[in-house]
N, C-alpha and C. Protein backbone atom coordinates (compact mmCIF):
# COMPACT_ATOMS: atom_id res chain seq x y z
N MET A 1 0.85 -1.18 0.00
CA MET A 1 0.00 0.00 0.00
C MET A 1 0.90 1.24 0.00
N SER A 2 0.58 2.16 -0.89
CA SER A 2 1.37 3.38 -0.97
C SER A 2 0.94 4.35 0.14
N ASP A 3 1.74 5.39 0.33
CA ASP A 3 1.42 6.40 1.33
C ASP A 3 0.09 7.09 1.02
N ILE A 4 -0.15 7.38 -0.26
CA ILE A 4 -1.40 8.05 -0.65
C ILE A 4 -2.59 7.14 -0.38
N GLU A 5 -2.48 5.87 -0.70
CA GLU A 5 -3.56 4.93 -0.44
C GLU A 5 -3.85 4.84 1.06
N TYR A 6 -2.80 4.82 1.85
CA TYR A 6 -2.97 4.76 3.30
C TYR A 6 -3.67 6.02 3.82
N MET A 7 -3.24 7.17 3.32
CA MET A 7 -3.85 8.43 3.74
C MET A 7 -5.32 8.49 3.32
N ASN A 8 -5.64 7.96 2.14
CA ASN A 8 -7.03 7.91 1.68
C ASN A 8 -7.86 7.02 2.60
N GLU A 9 -7.33 5.88 2.97
CA GLU A 9 -8.06 4.97 3.85
C GLU A 9 -8.31 5.60 5.21
N CYS A 10 -7.33 6.31 5.73
CA CYS A 10 -7.51 7.01 7.01
C CYS A 10 -8.56 8.10 6.88
N MET A 11 -8.56 8.79 5.75
CA MET A 11 -9.55 9.84 5.51
C MET A 11 -10.95 9.24 5.44
N VAL A 12 -11.10 8.13 4.74
CA VAL A 12 -12.40 7.46 4.64
C VAL A 12 -12.90 7.08 6.03
N ARG A 13 -12.02 6.53 6.84
CA ARG A 13 -12.40 6.16 8.21
C ARG A 13 -12.91 7.38 8.97
N ASP A 14 -12.15 8.47 8.91
CA ASP A 14 -12.52 9.67 9.65
C ASP A 14 -13.83 10.27 9.14
N LEU A 15 -14.01 10.30 7.83
CA LEU A 15 -15.24 10.85 7.25
C LEU A 15 -16.45 9.99 7.63
N ALA A 16 -16.28 8.68 7.61
CA ALA A 16 -17.37 7.78 7.99
C ALA A 16 -17.77 8.00 9.45
N VAL A 17 -16.79 8.16 10.32
CA VAL A 17 -17.08 8.41 11.74
C VAL A 17 -17.86 9.71 11.89
N MET A 18 -17.48 10.73 11.16
CA MET A 18 -18.18 12.01 11.24
C MET A 18 -19.62 11.88 10.75
N LEU A 19 -19.82 11.15 9.66
CA LEU A 19 -21.18 10.92 9.15
C LEU A 19 -22.02 10.17 10.19
N ILE A 20 -21.45 9.15 10.79
CA ILE A 20 -22.15 8.35 11.79
C ILE A 20 -22.57 9.22 12.97
N GLU A 21 -21.67 10.05 13.43
CA GLU A 21 -21.96 10.91 14.58
C GLU A 21 -22.97 12.00 14.25
N ASP A 22 -22.82 12.65 13.10
CA ASP A 22 -23.67 13.79 12.75
C ASP A 22 -25.07 13.36 12.31
N TYR A 23 -25.17 12.25 11.60
CA TYR A 23 -26.46 11.83 11.04
C TYR A 23 -27.08 10.64 11.77
N GLU A 24 -26.37 10.14 12.79
CA GLU A 24 -26.83 9.00 13.58
C GLU A 24 -27.26 7.83 12.68
N ILE A 25 -26.34 7.43 11.82
CA ILE A 25 -26.57 6.33 10.89
C ILE A 25 -25.60 5.19 11.18
N SER A 26 -25.82 4.06 10.55
CA SER A 26 -24.97 2.90 10.75
C SER A 26 -23.68 3.01 9.93
N ILE A 27 -22.74 2.16 10.24
CA ILE A 27 -21.48 2.12 9.50
C ILE A 27 -21.73 1.82 8.02
N PRO A 28 -22.52 0.79 7.67
CA PRO A 28 -22.77 0.53 6.25
C PRO A 28 -23.44 1.71 5.53
N GLU A 29 -24.35 2.38 6.21
CA GLU A 29 -25.00 3.55 5.60
C GLU A 29 -23.99 4.67 5.35
N ALA A 30 -23.13 4.91 6.31
CA ALA A 30 -22.13 5.96 6.17
C ALA A 30 -21.17 5.65 5.03
N LEU A 31 -20.73 4.41 4.96
CA LEU A 31 -19.81 4.02 3.89
C LEU A 31 -20.49 4.08 2.53
N ASP A 32 -21.76 3.72 2.47
CA ASP A 32 -22.50 3.79 1.22
C ASP A 32 -22.59 5.23 0.74
N ILE A 33 -22.93 6.13 1.64
CA ILE A 33 -22.99 7.55 1.29
C ILE A 33 -21.64 8.04 0.79
N LEU A 34 -20.61 7.72 1.53
CA LEU A 34 -19.28 8.19 1.19
C LEU A 34 -18.78 7.61 -0.13
N TYR A 35 -18.86 6.29 -0.29
CA TYR A 35 -18.33 5.65 -1.49
C TYR A 35 -19.08 6.03 -2.76
N ASN A 36 -20.31 6.50 -2.62
CA ASN A 36 -21.10 6.90 -3.78
C ASN A 36 -21.12 8.41 -3.99
N SER A 37 -20.23 9.12 -3.33
CA SER A 37 -20.22 10.57 -3.42
C SER A 37 -19.17 11.07 -4.41
N GLU A 38 -19.43 12.28 -4.88
CA GLU A 38 -18.45 12.97 -5.73
C GLU A 38 -17.21 13.31 -4.91
N THR A 39 -17.40 13.58 -3.63
CA THR A 39 -16.28 13.88 -2.74
C THR A 39 -15.31 12.70 -2.70
N TYR A 40 -15.84 11.49 -2.59
CA TYR A 40 -14.98 10.30 -2.58
C TYR A 40 -14.25 10.15 -3.90
N GLU A 41 -14.95 10.43 -4.99
CA GLU A 41 -14.32 10.36 -6.31
C GLU A 41 -13.14 11.32 -6.40
N LYS A 42 -13.34 12.53 -5.89
CA LYS A 42 -12.26 13.54 -5.89
C LYS A 42 -11.12 13.11 -4.95
N LEU A 43 -11.48 12.50 -3.83
CA LEU A 43 -10.48 12.03 -2.87
C LEU A 43 -9.58 10.97 -3.49
N GLN A 44 -10.14 10.12 -4.33
CA GLN A 44 -9.37 9.05 -4.97
C GLN A 44 -8.44 9.55 -6.07
N ASP A 45 -8.67 10.76 -6.55
CA ASP A 45 -7.82 11.36 -7.57
C ASP A 45 -6.68 12.10 -6.88
N ALA A 46 -5.50 11.51 -6.90
CA ALA A 46 -4.35 12.08 -6.18
C ALA A 46 -4.02 13.50 -6.64
N ARG A 47 -4.41 13.84 -7.87
CA ARG A 47 -4.11 15.18 -8.38
C ARG A 47 -4.84 16.28 -7.63
N THR A 48 -5.96 15.94 -6.96
CA THR A 48 -6.71 16.96 -6.22
C THR A 48 -6.02 17.34 -4.92
N GLY A 49 -5.22 16.44 -4.38
CA GLY A 49 -4.52 16.69 -3.12
C GLY A 49 -5.42 16.62 -1.90
N LEU A 50 -6.67 16.18 -2.06
CA LEU A 50 -7.58 16.11 -0.91
C LEU A 50 -7.09 15.14 0.15
N TYR A 51 -6.40 14.10 -0.25
CA TYR A 51 -5.89 13.12 0.72
C TYR A 51 -4.94 13.76 1.72
N PHE A 52 -4.38 14.91 1.37
CA PHE A 52 -3.40 15.60 2.19
C PHE A 52 -4.05 16.64 3.11
N GLN A 53 -5.33 16.89 2.94
CA GLN A 53 -6.05 17.89 3.73
C GLN A 53 -6.56 17.28 5.02
N SER A 54 -7.06 18.12 5.90
CA SER A 54 -7.63 17.61 7.15
C SER A 54 -8.99 16.98 6.87
N PRO A 55 -9.37 15.98 7.66
CA PRO A 55 -10.69 15.37 7.47
C PRO A 55 -11.83 16.37 7.61
N ILE A 56 -11.70 17.35 8.48
CA ILE A 56 -12.75 18.36 8.66
C ILE A 56 -12.93 19.17 7.39
N TYR A 57 -11.83 19.50 6.75
CA TYR A 57 -11.87 20.25 5.48
C TYR A 57 -12.60 19.45 4.41
N VAL A 58 -12.27 18.18 4.27
CA VAL A 58 -12.89 17.32 3.26
C VAL A 58 -14.35 17.06 3.63
N TYR A 59 -14.63 16.92 4.92
CA TYR A 59 -16.01 16.70 5.38
C TYR A 59 -16.90 17.87 5.00
N ASP A 60 -16.35 19.07 4.99
CA ASP A 60 -17.11 20.24 4.58
C ASP A 60 -17.58 20.09 3.13
N PHE A 61 -16.71 19.57 2.26
CA PHE A 61 -17.09 19.31 0.87
C PHE A 61 -18.23 18.29 0.82
N LEU A 62 -18.11 17.24 1.62
CA LEU A 62 -19.12 16.18 1.63
C LEU A 62 -20.46 16.72 2.13
N GLN A 63 -20.45 17.51 3.17
CA GLN A 63 -21.69 18.09 3.69
C GLN A 63 -22.35 18.99 2.64
N HIS A 64 -21.54 19.79 1.96
CA HIS A 64 -22.08 20.65 0.91
C HIS A 64 -22.70 19.81 -0.20
N GLU A 65 -22.02 18.73 -0.57
CA GLU A 65 -22.54 17.84 -1.60
C GLU A 65 -23.85 17.19 -1.15
N LEU A 66 -23.94 16.77 0.09
CA LEU A 66 -25.16 16.14 0.59
C LEU A 66 -26.33 17.12 0.62
N LYS A 67 -26.06 18.38 0.90
CA LYS A 67 -27.11 19.39 0.94
C LYS A 67 -27.54 19.83 -0.46
N ASN A 68 -26.56 19.95 -1.37
CA ASN A 68 -26.82 20.55 -2.67
C ASN A 68 -26.76 19.59 -3.85
N GLY A 69 -26.38 18.36 -3.61
CA GLY A 69 -26.31 17.37 -4.69
C GLY A 69 -25.04 17.41 -5.50
N LYS A 70 -24.16 18.36 -5.19
CA LYS A 70 -22.86 18.42 -5.86
C LYS A 70 -21.89 19.21 -5.00
N ILE A 71 -20.61 19.10 -5.30
CA ILE A 71 -19.59 19.77 -4.48
C ILE A 71 -19.66 21.27 -4.62
N ALA A 72 -19.62 21.76 -5.84
CA ALA A 72 -19.58 23.22 -6.04
C ALA A 72 -20.81 23.73 -6.73
């Protein structure tokens, strides 16, 4: 596993925990939301550099996407 892959996995874990806490949902529901999001797609693209940001910063993108149906 590369460093970027490891950082992505840690980010996914942190984002899932935040979803679980904020929306009071199960682990599978949180992962389903995350894995099917545009935010996750951007996170997987190393060129975006999102893997290097704080989980709170990336979670803000995810919350915006959940409210508005897209990141921007």
